[in-house]
N, C-alpha and C. Protein backbone atom coordinates (compact mmCIF):
# COMPACT_ATOMS: atom_id res chain seq x y z
N MET A 1 119.12 61.72 92.95
CA MET A 1 120.54 61.98 92.97
C MET A 1 120.95 62.25 94.41
N LYS A 2 121.98 61.61 94.84
CA LYS A 2 122.49 61.79 96.20
C LYS A 2 123.26 63.10 96.29
N ALA A 3 123.40 63.60 97.52
CA ALA A 3 124.04 64.89 97.76
C ALA A 3 125.46 64.94 97.19
N LYS A 4 126.22 63.88 97.37
CA LYS A 4 127.61 63.88 96.86
C LYS A 4 127.62 63.95 95.33
N GLU A 5 126.69 63.25 94.68
CA GLU A 5 126.60 63.30 93.22
C GLU A 5 126.19 64.70 92.77
N PHE A 6 125.26 65.29 93.50
CA PHE A 6 124.80 66.65 93.19
C PHE A 6 125.97 67.63 93.32
N ASP A 7 126.70 67.53 94.43
CA ASP A 7 127.86 68.41 94.63
C ASP A 7 128.89 68.24 93.52
N ARG A 8 129.13 66.99 93.13
CA ARG A 8 130.11 66.72 92.07
C ARG A 8 129.64 67.35 90.75
N ALA A 9 128.35 67.17 90.43
CA ALA A 9 127.81 67.75 89.20
C ALA A 9 127.93 69.27 89.23
N PHE A 10 127.64 69.86 90.39
CA PHE A 10 127.77 71.31 90.53
C PHE A 10 129.22 71.75 90.31
N ASP A 11 130.12 71.05 91.00
CA ASP A 11 131.55 71.39 90.87
C ASP A 11 132.06 71.21 89.45
N ASP A 12 131.50 70.24 88.72
CA ASP A 12 131.91 69.97 87.35
C ASP A 12 131.26 70.93 86.35
N GLY A 13 130.35 71.78 86.83
CA GLY A 13 129.72 72.76 85.96
C GLY A 13 128.60 72.22 85.10
N VAL A 14 127.97 71.14 85.52
CA VAL A 14 126.83 70.59 84.77
C VAL A 14 125.74 71.65 84.75
N GLU A 15 125.25 72.00 83.56
CA GLU A 15 124.32 73.11 83.44
C GLU A 15 122.88 72.78 83.81
N ASP A 16 122.46 71.54 83.68
CA ASP A 16 121.07 71.19 83.96
C ASP A 16 120.86 70.66 85.37
N ILE A 17 121.68 71.10 86.28
CA ILE A 17 121.62 70.64 87.67
C ILE A 17 120.31 71.04 88.35
N VAL A 18 119.70 72.15 87.93
CA VAL A 18 118.44 72.61 88.53
C VAL A 18 117.34 71.59 88.34
N ASP A 19 117.40 70.81 87.26
CA ASP A 19 116.40 69.77 87.03
C ASP A 19 116.40 68.72 88.13
N GLU A 20 117.48 68.63 88.87
CA GLU A 20 117.59 67.65 89.95
C GLU A 20 116.98 68.14 91.26
N LEU A 21 116.61 69.41 91.32
CA LEU A 21 116.07 69.98 92.55
C LEU A 21 114.55 69.87 92.61
N ASP A 22 114.03 69.63 93.79
CA ASP A 22 112.58 69.67 94.02
C ASP A 22 112.26 71.06 94.56
N LEU A 23 111.80 71.94 93.67
CA LEU A 23 111.54 73.32 94.05
C LEU A 23 110.14 73.53 94.59
N SER A 24 109.33 72.47 94.66
CA SER A 24 107.95 72.62 95.10
C SER A 24 107.85 73.07 96.56
N SER A 25 108.85 72.76 97.36
CA SER A 25 108.80 73.17 98.76
C SER A 25 109.86 74.23 99.09
N ALA A 26 110.48 74.79 98.06
CA ALA A 26 111.50 75.81 98.28
C ALA A 26 110.85 77.08 98.82
N ARG A 27 111.58 77.76 99.70
CA ARG A 27 111.08 79.03 100.22
C ARG A 27 112.26 79.95 100.46
N ARG A 28 111.98 81.22 100.46
CA ARG A 28 113.01 82.21 100.72
C ARG A 28 112.98 82.55 102.20
N VAL A 29 114.11 82.44 102.85
CA VAL A 29 114.21 82.68 104.28
C VAL A 29 113.85 84.14 104.58
N ASN A 30 113.05 84.33 105.58
CA ASN A 30 112.58 85.66 106.03
C ASN A 30 111.79 86.41 104.96
N GLN A 31 111.21 85.70 104.02
CA GLN A 31 110.43 86.35 102.98
C GLN A 31 108.96 85.90 102.99
N GLU A 32 108.58 85.12 104.01
CA GLU A 32 107.20 84.69 104.10
C GLU A 32 106.31 85.92 104.26
N GLN A 33 105.18 85.90 103.59
CA GLN A 33 104.26 87.03 103.65
C GLN A 33 103.37 86.90 104.88
N LYS A 34 103.06 88.03 105.48
CA LYS A 34 102.13 88.08 106.61
C LYS A 34 101.23 89.29 106.38
N ARG A 35 99.95 89.03 106.38
CA ARG A 35 98.99 90.10 106.11
C ARG A 35 98.72 90.91 107.37
N ILE A 36 98.72 92.24 107.19
CA ILE A 36 98.35 93.14 108.28
C ILE A 36 97.37 94.17 107.73
N ASN A 37 96.65 94.81 108.61
CA ASN A 37 95.77 95.91 108.24
C ASN A 37 96.26 97.16 108.94
N VAL A 38 96.33 98.24 108.19
CA VAL A 38 96.77 99.51 108.74
C VAL A 38 95.76 100.57 108.33
N ASP A 39 95.34 101.36 109.28
CA ASP A 39 94.41 102.45 108.99
C ASP A 39 95.18 103.75 108.84
N PHE A 40 94.92 104.47 107.73
CA PHE A 40 95.54 105.76 107.46
C PHE A 40 94.45 106.80 107.31
N PRO A 41 94.75 108.04 107.61
CA PRO A 41 93.80 109.11 107.30
C PRO A 41 93.61 109.18 105.78
N ALA A 42 92.45 109.66 105.36
CA ALA A 42 92.12 109.72 103.93
C ALA A 42 93.17 110.50 103.14
N TRP A 43 93.69 111.59 103.70
CA TRP A 43 94.67 112.39 102.96
C TRP A 43 95.94 111.59 102.68
N VAL A 44 96.32 110.68 103.60
CA VAL A 44 97.50 109.86 103.39
C VAL A 44 97.26 108.87 102.25
N VAL A 45 96.09 108.25 102.25
CA VAL A 45 95.75 107.32 101.17
C VAL A 45 95.72 108.04 99.83
N ASP A 46 95.14 109.23 99.81
CA ASP A 46 95.10 110.01 98.57
C ASP A 46 96.51 110.34 98.09
N SER A 47 97.37 110.74 99.01
CA SER A 47 98.75 111.06 98.65
C SER A 47 99.50 109.83 98.15
N LEU A 48 99.29 108.71 98.83
CA LEU A 48 99.91 107.46 98.38
C LEU A 48 99.45 107.10 96.98
N ASP A 49 98.16 107.22 96.74
CA ASP A 49 97.62 106.88 95.42
C ASP A 49 98.18 107.77 94.33
N ARG A 50 98.30 109.07 94.62
CA ARG A 50 98.86 109.99 93.62
C ARG A 50 100.31 109.65 93.30
N GLU A 51 101.09 109.38 94.35
CA GLU A 51 102.51 109.06 94.13
C GLU A 51 102.66 107.72 93.43
N ALA A 52 101.85 106.75 93.82
CA ALA A 52 101.91 105.43 93.18
C ALA A 52 101.56 105.55 91.70
N ALA A 53 100.52 106.32 91.38
CA ALA A 53 100.13 106.51 89.98
C ALA A 53 101.23 107.23 89.20
N ARG A 54 101.86 108.20 89.85
CA ARG A 54 102.91 108.97 89.19
C ARG A 54 104.08 108.08 88.76
N ILE A 55 104.45 107.11 89.61
CA ILE A 55 105.58 106.26 89.26
C ILE A 55 105.15 104.92 88.67
N GLY A 56 103.84 104.70 88.57
CA GLY A 56 103.34 103.51 87.89
C GLY A 56 103.37 102.22 88.68
N VAL A 57 103.11 102.32 89.98
CA VAL A 57 103.05 101.13 90.82
C VAL A 57 101.74 101.15 91.61
N THR A 58 101.50 100.07 92.33
CA THR A 58 100.29 100.02 93.15
C THR A 58 100.54 100.70 94.49
N ARG A 59 99.45 101.02 95.17
CA ARG A 59 99.55 101.60 96.51
C ARG A 59 100.33 100.66 97.43
N GLN A 60 100.00 99.38 97.38
CA GLN A 60 100.68 98.40 98.23
C GLN A 60 102.18 98.37 97.94
N SER A 61 102.55 98.44 96.69
CA SER A 61 103.97 98.41 96.33
C SER A 61 104.72 99.61 96.89
N ILE A 62 104.14 100.78 96.78
CA ILE A 62 104.85 101.96 97.26
C ILE A 62 104.98 101.93 98.78
N ILE A 63 103.95 101.44 99.47
CA ILE A 63 104.03 101.32 100.92
C ILE A 63 105.14 100.35 101.30
N LYS A 64 105.19 99.20 100.63
CA LYS A 64 106.22 98.21 100.94
C LYS A 64 107.62 98.78 100.70
N VAL A 65 107.82 99.40 99.56
CA VAL A 65 109.14 99.94 99.21
C VAL A 65 109.56 101.00 100.22
N TRP A 66 108.66 101.93 100.53
CA TRP A 66 109.02 103.00 101.46
C TRP A 66 109.30 102.46 102.85
N LEU A 67 108.52 101.50 103.31
CA LEU A 67 108.76 100.92 104.63
C LEU A 67 110.10 100.19 104.69
N VAL A 68 110.39 99.41 103.65
CA VAL A 68 111.67 98.68 103.62
C VAL A 68 112.83 99.67 103.59
N GLU A 69 112.72 100.72 102.78
CA GLU A 69 113.78 101.72 102.72
C GLU A 69 114.02 102.34 104.10
N ARG A 70 112.93 102.67 104.78
CA ARG A 70 113.06 103.29 106.10
C ARG A 70 113.67 102.32 107.12
N LEU A 71 113.23 101.08 107.09
CA LEU A 71 113.77 100.09 108.02
C LEU A 71 115.26 99.86 107.77
N GLN A 72 115.65 99.82 106.50
CA GLN A 72 117.07 99.65 106.18
C GLN A 72 117.88 100.86 106.63
N ALA A 73 117.32 102.06 106.45
CA ALA A 73 118.01 103.27 106.89
C ALA A 73 118.16 103.28 108.40
N GLU A 74 117.13 102.89 109.11
CA GLU A 74 117.18 102.83 110.57
C GLU A 74 118.21 101.80 111.02
N ALA A 75 118.24 100.65 110.37
CA ALA A 75 119.21 99.61 110.73
C ALA A 75 120.63 100.10 110.47
N ALA A 76 120.84 100.80 109.37
CA ALA A 76 122.17 101.32 109.04
C ALA A 76 122.60 102.36 110.06
N HIS A 77 121.65 103.15 110.52
CA HIS A 77 121.95 104.18 111.53
C HIS A 77 122.24 103.53 112.88
N LYS A 78 121.47 102.52 113.22
CA LYS A 78 121.63 101.85 114.51
C LYS A 78 122.88 100.99 114.54
N PHE A 79 123.18 100.34 113.42
CA PHE A 79 124.33 99.45 113.33
C PHE A 79 125.21 99.89 112.16
N PRO A 80 126.13 100.80 112.40
CA PRO A 80 127.00 101.25 111.30
C PRO A 80 127.69 100.07 110.63
N LYS A 81 128.10 100.27 109.39
CA LYS A 81 128.66 99.19 108.56
C LYS A 81 129.75 98.42 109.28
N ASP A 82 130.61 99.10 110.01
CA ASP A 82 131.70 98.42 110.72
C ASP A 82 131.19 97.41 111.74
N GLU A 83 130.06 97.72 112.37
CA GLU A 83 129.51 96.83 113.39
C GLU A 83 128.71 95.68 112.79
N ARG A 84 128.32 95.80 111.50
CA ARG A 84 127.55 94.76 110.84
C ARG A 84 128.43 93.74 110.14
N GLY A 85 129.71 93.89 110.27
CA GLY A 85 130.62 92.94 109.66
C GLY A 85 130.93 93.23 108.21
N GLY A 86 130.71 94.49 107.75
CA GLY A 86 130.95 94.81 106.36
C GLY A 86 132.12 95.67 106.13
């Protein structure tokens, strides 16, 4: 299907338009994974494990969530909403 046909089908509300997409090479921008190694003191790992178990997630998940939350908070502090175009 050519791009113009695809656009027309989308605009017309054709529901099975996703079948026309090749999702085998699709990727999410800025979401590529990159492996890193981080060394923590044993007490930090123990604390992470306890908190992860308490809320029912893995150690890796809690580290990711907490880091993302902190980075977002830092970005919000550094660039207030007015300066971010919001």
